[in-house]
Amino acid sequence: MIRRLERVNKTASGIILSKEKEDIGIVVDVGEGERLKNGTYRKTNVKIGDKVMIPDYGGYSLKLQGGDFIIMKDTDLIAIIH
């Protein structure tokens, strides 16, 4: 589960002009991994706290507790940002 970050466009005096969804998010939860045909699990490539680049389409979007979240496979992510 990834929490999508927001970019806030403000004037120099602090007036908020707009809020846009970023294509970057923070991993807030990780499952066991992908279940393979033989019943074992493939470990995920991401861990909680990783900053990741999210594709424009894909995954499942959720709105929980005032935040935008995406549930997505780690193989669908564009990049892990270090």
PDB file of N, CA and C in Angstrom:
ATOM      1  N   MET A   1       0.853  -1.166   0.000  1.00  0.00           N
ATOM      2  CA  MET A   1       0.000   0.000   0.000  1.00  0.00           C
ATOM      3  C   MET A   1       0.899   1.228   0.000  1.00  0.00           C
ATOM      4  N   ILE A   2       0.583   2.157  -0.858  1.00  0.00           N
ATOM      5  CA  ILE A   2       1.405   3.355  -1.049  1.00  0.00           C
ATOM      6  C   ILE A   2       0.556   4.592  -0.774  1.00  0.00           C
ATOM      7  N   ARG A   3       1.101   5.515   0.014  1.00  0.00           N
ATOM      8  CA  ARG A   3       0.428   6.808   0.247  1.00  0.00           C
ATOM      9  C   ARG A   3       0.949   7.785  -0.794  1.00  0.00           C
ATOM     10  N   ARG A   4       0.058   8.262  -1.653  1.00  0.00           N
ATOM     11  CA  ARG A   4       0.437   9.194  -2.715  1.00  0.00           C
ATOM     12  C   ARG A   4       0.713  10.574  -2.118  1.00  0.00           C
ATOM     13  N   LEU A   5       1.818  11.167  -2.509  1.00  0.00           N
ATOM     14  CA  LEU A   5       2.167  12.503  -2.034  1.00  0.00           C
ATOM     15  C   LEU A   5       1.453  13.563  -2.859  1.00  0.00           C
ATOM     16  N   GLU A   6       1.237  14.731  -2.256  1.00  0.00           N
ATOM     17  CA  GLU A   6       0.597  15.856  -2.944  1.00  0.00           C
ATOM     18  C   GLU A   6       1.570  16.995  -3.095  1.00  0.00           C
ATOM     19  N   ARG A   7       1.472  17.681  -4.212  1.00  0.00           N
ATOM     20  CA  ARG A   7       2.265  18.885  -4.431  1.00  0.00           C
ATOM     21  C   ARG A   7       1.311  20.071  -4.290  1.00  0.00           C
ATOM     22  N   VAL A   8       1.691  21.031  -3.468  1.00  0.00           N
ATOM     23  CA  VAL A   8       0.862  22.213  -3.245  1.00  0.00           C
ATOM     24  C   VAL A   8       1.547  23.401  -3.907  1.00  0.00           C
ATOM     25  N   ASN A   9       0.828  24.038  -4.829  1.00  0.00           N
ATOM     26  CA  ASN A   9       1.348  25.239  -5.490  1.00  0.00           C
ATOM     27  C   ASN A   9       0.874  26.462  -4.717  1.00  0.00           C
ATOM     28  N   LYS A  10       1.849  27.232  -4.190  1.00  0.00           N
ATOM     29  CA  LYS A  10       1.534  28.423  -3.392  1.00  0.00           C
ATOM     30  C   LYS A  10       2.211  29.646  -3.985  1.00  0.00           C
ATOM     31  N   THR A  11       1.615  30.786  -3.715  1.00  0.00           N
ATOM     32  CA  THR A  11       2.259  32.046  -4.073  1.00  0.00           C
ATOM     33  C   THR A  11       3.304  32.369  -3.005  1.00  0.00           C
ATOM     34  N   ALA A  12       4.114  33.383  -3.255  1.00  0.00           N
ATOM     35  CA  ALA A  12       5.146  33.782  -2.301  1.00  0.00           C
ATOM     36  C   ALA A  12       4.540  34.201  -0.963  1.00  0.00           C
ATOM     37  N   SER A  13       3.310  34.718  -0.982  1.00  0.00           N
ATOM     38  CA  SER A  13       2.658  35.152   0.252  1.00  0.00           C
ATOM     39  C   SER A  13       1.924  34.016   0.973  1.00  0.00           C
ATOM     40  N   GLY A  14       1.932  32.799   0.379  1.00  0.00           N
ATOM     41  CA  GLY A  14       1.342  31.645   1.054  1.00  0.00           C
ATOM     42  C   GLY A  14      -0.061  31.281   0.626  1.00  0.00           C
ATOM     43  N   ILE A  15      -0.585  31.923  -0.397  1.00  0.00           N
ATOM     44  CA  ILE A  15      -1.924  31.588  -0.879  1.00  0.00           C
ATOM     45  C   ILE A  15      -1.836  30.307  -1.704  1.00  0.00           C
ATOM     46  N   ILE A  16      -2.673  29.330  -1.361  1.00  0.00           N
ATOM     47  CA  ILE A  16      -2.666  28.048  -2.081  1.00  0.00           C
ATOM     48  C   ILE A  16      -3.429  28.204  -3.394  1.00  0.00           C
ATOM     49  N   LEU A  17      -2.729  27.918  -4.497  1.00  0.00           N
ATOM     50  CA  LEU A  17      -3.348  28.010  -5.814  1.00  0.00           C
ATOM     51  C   LEU A  17      -3.990  26.691  -6.227  1.00  0.00           C
ATOM     52  N   SER A  18      -3.290  25.588  -6.008  1.00  0.00           N
ATOM     53  CA  SER A  18      -3.837  24.280  -6.390  1.00  0.00           C
ATOM     54  C   SER A  18      -3.089  23.164  -5.674  1.00  0.00           C
ATOM     55  N   LYS A  19      -3.714  22.014  -5.650  1.00  0.00           N
ATOM     56  CA  LYS A  19      -3.081  20.807  -5.123  1.00  0.00           C
ATOM     57  C   LYS A  19      -3.096  19.777  -6.246  1.00  0.00           C
ATOM     58  N   GLU A  20      -1.957  19.171  -6.498  1.00  0.00           N
ATOM     59  CA  GLU A  20      -1.859  18.165  -7.548  1.00  0.00           C
ATOM     60  C   GLU A  20      -1.315  16.875  -6.956  1.00  0.00           C
ATOM     61  N   LYS A  21      -1.774  15.743  -7.490  1.00  0.00           N
ATOM     62  CA  LYS A  21      -1.250  14.457  -7.055  1.00  0.00           C
ATOM     63  C   LYS A  21       0.116  14.238  -7.685  1.00  0.00           C
ATOM     64  N   GLU A  22       1.057  13.821  -6.878  1.00  0.00           N
ATOM     65  CA  GLU A  22       2.404  13.508  -7.359  1.00  0.00           C
ATOM     66  C   GLU A  22       2.433  12.104  -7.928  1.00  0.00           C
ATOM     67  N   ASP A  23       3.427  11.824  -8.747  1.00  0.00           N
ATOM     68  CA  ASP A  23       3.633  10.456  -9.213  1.00  0.00           C
ATOM     69  C   ASP A  23       4.647   9.739  -8.324  1.00  0.00           C
ATOM     70  N   ILE A  24       4.781  10.258  -7.098  1.00  0.00           N
ATOM     71  CA  ILE A  24       5.691   9.686  -6.105  1.00  0.00           C
ATOM     72  C   ILE A  24       4.882   9.398  -4.845  1.00  0.00           C
ATOM     73  N   GLY A  25       5.226   8.298  -4.167  1.00  0.00           N
ATOM     74  CA  GLY A  25       4.532   7.946  -2.942  1.00  0.00           C
ATOM     75  C   GLY A  25       5.472   7.264  -1.964  1.00  0.00           C
ATOM     76  N   ILE A  26       4.961   7.063  -0.759  1.00  0.00           N
ATOM     77  CA  ILE A  26       5.702   6.398   0.311  1.00  0.00           C
ATOM     78  C   ILE A  26       5.008   5.069   0.615  1.00  0.00           C
ATOM     79  N   VAL A  27       5.775   3.984   0.678  1.00  0.00           N
ATOM     80  CA  VAL A  27       5.227   2.671   1.001  1.00  0.00           C
ATOM     81  C   VAL A  27       4.866   2.655   2.489  1.00  0.00           C
ATOM     82  N   VAL A  28       3.586   2.374   2.799  1.00  0.00           N
ATOM     83  CA  VAL A  28       3.134   2.361   4.186  1.00  0.00           C
ATOM     84  C   VAL A  28       2.820   0.952   4.697  1.00  0.00           C
ATOM     85  N   ASP A  29       2.674  -0.005   3.792  1.00  0.00           N
ATOM     86  CA  ASP A  29       2.428  -1.388   4.206  1.00  0.00           C
ATOM     87  C   ASP A  29       2.854  -2.322   3.082  1.00  0.00           C
ATOM     88  N   VAL A  30       3.337  -3.509   3.468  1.00  0.00           N
ATOM     89  CA  VAL A  30       3.814  -4.498   2.504  1.00  0.00           C
ATOM     90  C   VAL A  30       3.238  -5.851   2.881  1.00  0.00           C
ATOM     91  N   GLY A  31       2.774  -6.584   1.883  1.00  0.00           N
ATOM     92  CA  GLY A  31       2.241  -7.918   2.119  1.00  0.00           C
ATOM     93  C   GLY A  31       3.346  -8.968   2.138  1.00  0.00           C
ATOM     94  N   GLU A  32       2.937 -10.229   2.121  1.00  0.00           N
ATOM     95  CA  GLU A  32       3.883 -11.345   2.169  1.00  0.00           C
ATOM     96  C   GLU A  32       4.675 -11.492   0.882  1.00  0.00           C
ATOM     97  N   GLY A  33       4.156 -11.006  -0.204  1.00  0.00           N
ATOM     98  CA  GLY A  33       4.794 -11.150  -1.508  1.00  0.00           C
ATOM     99  C   GLY A  33       3.858 -11.854  -2.465  1.00  0.00           C
ATOM    100  N   GLU A  34       4.378 -12.142  -3.646  1.00  0.00           N
ATOM    101  CA  GLU A  34       3.576 -12.809  -4.666  1.00  0.00           C
ATOM    102  C   GLU A  34       3.591 -14.317  -4.434  1.00  0.00           C
ATOM    103  N   ARG A  35       2.420 -14.907  -4.433  1.00  0.00           N
ATOM    104  CA  ARG A  35       2.336 -16.362  -4.246  1.00  0.00           C
ATOM    105  C   ARG A  35       2.614 -17.051  -5.573  1.00  0.00           C
ATOM    106  N   LEU A  36       3.569 -17.948  -5.570  1.00  0.00           N
ATOM    107  CA  LEU A  36       3.956 -18.685  -6.771  1.00  0.00           C
ATOM    108  C   LEU A  36       3.127 -19.966  -6.908  1.00  0.00           C
ATOM    109  N   LYS A  37       3.197 -20.590  -8.085  1.00  0.00           N
ATOM    110  CA  LYS A  37       2.400 -21.796  -8.351  1.00  0.00           C
ATOM    111  C   LYS A  37       2.717 -22.940  -7.394  1.00  0.00           C
ATOM    112  N   ASN A  38       3.962 -23.020  -6.908  1.00  0.00           N
ATOM    113  CA  ASN A  38       4.331 -24.108  -6.005  1.00  0.00           C
ATOM    114  C   ASN A  38       3.947 -23.825  -4.544  1.00  0.00           C
ATOM    115  N   GLY A  39       3.282 -22.691  -4.296  1.00  0.00           N
ATOM    116  CA  GLY A  39       2.796 -22.373  -2.959  1.00  0.00           C
ATOM    117  C   GLY A  39       3.728 -21.512  -2.124  1.00  0.00           C
ATOM    118  N   THR A  40       4.935 -21.286  -2.599  1.00  0.00           N
ATOM    119  CA  THR A  40       5.868 -20.426  -1.871  1.00  0.00           C
ATOM    120  C   THR A  40       5.618 -18.970  -2.257  1.00  0.00           C
ATOM    121  N   TYR A  41       6.260 -18.062  -1.541  1.00  0.00           N
ATOM    122  CA  TYR A  41       6.095 -16.637  -1.809  1.00  0.00           C
ATOM    123  C   TYR A  41       7.404 -16.028  -2.317  1.00  0.00           C
ATOM    124  N   ARG A  42       7.270 -15.150  -3.307  1.00  0.00           N
ATOM    125  CA  ARG A  42       8.407 -14.369  -3.783  1.00  0.00           C
ATOM    126  C   ARG A  42       8.443 -13.097  -2.946  1.00  0.00           C
ATOM    127  N   LYS A  43       9.551 -12.845  -2.303  1.00  0.00           N
ATOM    128  CA  LYS A  43       9.682 -11.679  -1.431  1.00  0.00           C
ATOM    129  C   LYS A  43       9.576 -10.389  -2.244  1.00  0.00           C
ATOM    130  N   THR A  44       8.976  -9.363  -1.661  1.00  0.00           N
ATOM    131  CA  THR A  44       8.817  -8.086  -2.365  1.00  0.00           C
ATOM    132  C   THR A  44      10.143  -7.325  -2.438  1.00  0.00           C
ATOM    133  N   ASN A  45      10.230  -6.427  -3.404  1.00  0.00           N
ATOM    134  CA  ASN A  45      11.433  -5.614  -3.598  1.00  0.00           C
ATOM    135  C   ASN A  45      11.407  -4.314  -2.800  1.00  0.00           C
ATOM    136  N   VAL A  46      10.271  -3.998  -2.178  1.00  0.00           N
ATOM    137  CA  VAL A  46      10.142  -2.748  -1.433  1.00  0.00           C
ATOM    138  C   VAL A  46       9.918  -3.043   0.041  1.00  0.00           C
ATOM    139  N   LYS A  47      10.174  -2.023   0.863  1.00  0.00           N
ATOM    140  CA  LYS A  47       9.922  -2.154   2.297  1.00  0.00           C
ATOM    141  C   LYS A  47       9.205  -0.892   2.778  1.00  0.00           C
ATOM    142  N   ILE A  48       8.626  -0.962   3.956  1.00  0.00           N
ATOM    143  CA  ILE A  48       7.908   0.185   4.511  1.00  0.00           C
ATOM    144  C   ILE A  48       8.865   1.363   4.641  1.00  0.00           C
ATOM    145  N   GLY A  49       8.406   2.525   4.176  1.00  0.00           N
ATOM    146  CA  GLY A  49       9.212   3.741   4.236  1.00  0.00           C
ATOM    147  C   GLY A  49       9.920   4.077   2.935  1.00  0.00           C
ATOM    148  N   ASP A  50       9.952   3.137   1.970  1.00  0.00           N
ATOM    149  CA  ASP A  50      10.582   3.414   0.678  1.00  0.00           C
ATOM    150  C   ASP A  50       9.802   4.472  -0.081  1.00  0.00           C
ATOM    151  N   LYS A  51      10.520   5.336  -0.783  1.00  0.00           N
ATOM    152  CA  LYS A  51       9.905   6.315  -1.669  1.00  0.00           C
ATOM    153  C   LYS A  51       9.916   5.695  -3.063  1.00  0.00           C
ATOM    154  N   VAL A  52       8.751   5.651  -3.714  1.00  0.00           N
ATOM    155  CA  VAL A  52       8.634   4.981  -5.002  1.00  0.00           C
ATOM    156  C   VAL A  52       7.961   5.878  -6.036  1.00  0.00           C
ATOM    157  N   MET A  53       8.273   5.609  -7.311  1.00  0.00           N
ATOM    158  CA  MET A  53       7.638   6.317  -8.421  1.00  0.00           C
ATOM    159  C   MET A  53       6.492   5.452  -8.925  1.00  0.00           C
ATOM    160  N   ILE A  54       5.298   6.051  -9.035  1.00  0.00           N
ATOM    161  CA  ILE A  54       4.066   5.335  -9.354  1.00  0.00           C
ATOM    162  C   ILE A  54       3.684   5.616 -10.808  1.00  0.00           C
ATOM    163  N   PRO A  55       3.249   4.583 -11.557  1.00  0.00           N
ATOM    164  CA  PRO A  55       2.769   4.836 -12.920  1.00  0.00           C
ATOM    165  C   PRO A  55       1.439   5.589 -12.892  1.00  0.00           C
ATOM    166  N   ASP A  56       1.110   6.244 -14.009  1.00  0.00           N
ATOM    167  CA  ASP A  56      -0.138   7.002 -14.089  1.00  0.00           C
ATOM    168  C   ASP A  56      -1.370   6.117 -13.953  1.00  0.00           C
ATOM    169  N   TYR A  57      -1.289   4.898 -14.486  1.00  0.00           N
ATOM    170  CA  TYR A  57      -2.435   3.997 -14.454  1.00  0.00           C
ATOM    171  C   TYR A  57      -2.029   2.683 -13.799  1.00  0.00           C
ATOM    172  N   GLY A  58      -2.997   2.001 -13.223  1.00  0.00           N
ATOM    173  CA  GLY A  58      -2.735   0.714 -12.601  1.00  0.00           C
ATOM    174  C   GLY A  58      -2.969   0.778 -11.105  1.00  0.00           C
ATOM    175  N   GLY A  59      -3.053  -0.374 -10.498  1.00  0.00           N
ATOM    176  CA  GLY A  59      -3.288  -0.449  -9.063  1.00  0.00           C
ATOM    177  C   GLY A  59      -4.728  -0.118  -8.716  1.00  0.00           C
ATOM    178  N   TYR A  60      -5.009  -0.135  -7.429  1.00  0.00           N
ATOM    179  CA  TYR A  60      -6.341   0.185  -6.920  1.00  0.00           C
ATOM    180  C   TYR A  60      -6.242   1.415  -6.038  1.00  0.00           C
ATOM    181  N   SER A  61      -6.994   2.454  -6.368  1.00  0.00           N
ATOM    182  CA  SER A  61      -6.972   3.700  -5.608  1.00  0.00           C
ATOM    183  C   SER A  61      -7.967   3.640  -4.459  1.00  0.00           C
ATOM    184  N   LEU A  62      -7.542   4.135  -3.291  1.00  0.00           N
ATOM    185  CA  LEU A  62      -8.385   4.185  -2.106  1.00  0.00           C
ATOM    186  C   LEU A  62      -8.264   5.551  -1.450  1.00  0.00           C
ATOM    187  N   LYS A  63      -9.342   5.994  -0.821  1.00  0.00           N
ATOM    188  CA  LYS A  63      -9.302   7.194   0.015  1.00  0.00           C
ATOM    189  C   LYS A  63      -9.624   6.749   1.428  1.00  0.00           C
ATOM    190  N   LEU A  64      -8.629   6.819   2.306  1.00  0.00           N
ATOM    191  CA  LEU A  64      -8.794   6.411   3.696  1.00  0.00           C
ATOM    192  C   LEU A  64      -8.281   7.492   4.621  1.00  0.00           C
ATOM    193  N   GLN A  65      -9.043   7.851   5.619  1.00  0.00           N
ATOM    194  CA  GLN A  65      -8.638   8.809   6.640  1.00  0.00           C
ATOM    195  C   GLN A  65      -8.031  10.076   6.031  1.00  0.00           C
ATOM    196  N   GLY A  66      -8.662  10.575   4.978  1.00  0.00           N
ATOM    197  CA  GLY A  66      -8.239  11.826   4.371  1.00  0.00           C
ATOM    198  C   GLY A  66      -7.015  11.727   3.483  1.00  0.00           C
ATOM    199  N   GLY A  67      -6.518  10.538   3.213  1.00  0.00           N
ATOM    200  CA  GLY A  67      -5.350  10.389   2.361  1.00  0.00           C
ATOM    201  C   GLY A  67      -5.658   9.551   1.137  1.00  0.00           C
ATOM    202  N   ASP A  68      -4.854   9.733   0.087  1.00  0.00           N
ATOM    203  CA  ASP A  68      -4.983   8.932  -1.122  1.00  0.00           C
ATOM    204  C   ASP A  68      -3.958   7.809  -1.078  1.00  0.00           C
ATOM    205  N   PHE A  69      -4.428   6.576  -1.234  1.00  0.00           N
ATOM    206  CA  PHE A  69      -3.570   5.410  -1.190  1.00  0.00           C
ATOM    207  C   PHE A  69      -3.751   4.592  -2.461  1.00  0.00           C
ATOM    208  N   ILE A  70      -2.725   3.818  -2.803  1.00  0.00           N
ATOM    209  CA  ILE A  70      -2.780   2.930  -3.953  1.00  0.00           C
ATOM    210  C   ILE A  70      -2.281   1.560  -3.514  1.00  0.00           C
ATOM    211  N   ILE A  71      -3.005   0.521  -3.905  1.00  0.00           N
ATOM    212  CA  ILE A  71      -2.544  -0.847  -3.694  1.00  0.00           C
ATOM    213  C   ILE A  71      -2.040  -1.342  -5.040  1.00  0.00           C
ATOM    214  N   MET A  72      -0.778  -1.788  -5.057  1.00  0.00           N
ATOM    215  CA  MET A  72      -0.150  -2.130  -6.322  1.00  0.00           C
ATOM    216  C   MET A  72       0.945  -3.161  -6.098  1.00  0.00           C
ATOM    217  N   LYS A  73       1.192  -4.004  -7.087  1.00  0.00           N
ATOM    218  CA  LYS A  73       2.298  -4.964  -7.035  1.00  0.00           C
ATOM    219  C   LYS A  73       3.618  -4.203  -7.139  1.00  0.00           C
ATOM    220  N   ASP A  74       4.637  -4.716  -6.474  1.00  0.00           N
ATOM    221  CA  ASP A  74       5.944  -4.057  -6.550  1.00  0.00           C
ATOM    222  C   ASP A  74       6.525  -4.126  -7.956  1.00  0.00           C
ATOM    223  N   THR A  75       6.128  -5.114  -8.728  1.00  0.00           N
ATOM    224  CA  THR A  75       6.640  -5.231 -10.099  1.00  0.00           C
ATOM    225  C   THR A  75       6.024  -4.193 -11.035  1.00  0.00           C
ATOM    226  N   ASP A  76       4.917  -3.542 -10.617  1.00  0.00           N
ATOM    227  CA  ASP A  76       4.280  -2.510 -11.437  1.00  0.00           C
ATOM    228  C   ASP A  76       4.842  -1.120 -11.162  1.00  0.00           C
ATOM    229  N   LEU A  77       5.649  -0.968 -10.123  1.00  0.00           N
ATOM    230  CA  LEU A  77       6.237   0.337  -9.802  1.00  0.00           C
ATOM    231  C   LEU A  77       7.289   0.710 -10.841  1.00  0.00           C
ATOM    232  N   ILE A  78       7.444   1.997 -11.087  1.00  0.00           N
ATOM    233  CA  ILE A  78       8.440   2.460 -12.055  1.00  0.00           C
ATOM    234  C   ILE A  78       9.837   2.417 -11.460  1.00  0.00           C
ATOM    235  N   ALA A  79       9.979   2.886 -10.213  1.00  0.00           N
ATOM    236  CA  ALA A  79      11.313   2.933  -9.599  1.00  0.00           C
ATOM    237  C   ALA A  79      11.211   3.068  -8.090  1.00  0.00           C
ATOM    238  N   ILE A  80      12.269   2.651  -7.418  1.00  0.00           N
ATOM    239  CA  ILE A  80      12.455   2.915  -5.986  1.00  0.00           C
ATOM    240  C   ILE A  80      13.470   4.049  -5.906  1.00  0.00           C
ATOM    241  N   ILE A  81      13.111   5.129  -5.228  1.00  0.00           N
ATOM    242  CA  ILE A  81      13.975   6.316  -5.155  1.00  0.00           C
ATOM    243  C   ILE A  81      14.806   6.242  -3.887  1.00  0.00           C
ATOM    244  N   HIS A  82      16.121   6.271  -4.053  1.00  0.00           N
ATOM    245  CA  HIS A  82      17.034   6.194  -2.899  1.00  0.00           C
ATOM    246  C   HIS A  82      17.552   7.557  -2.540  1.00  0.00           C
TER     247      HIS A  82
END
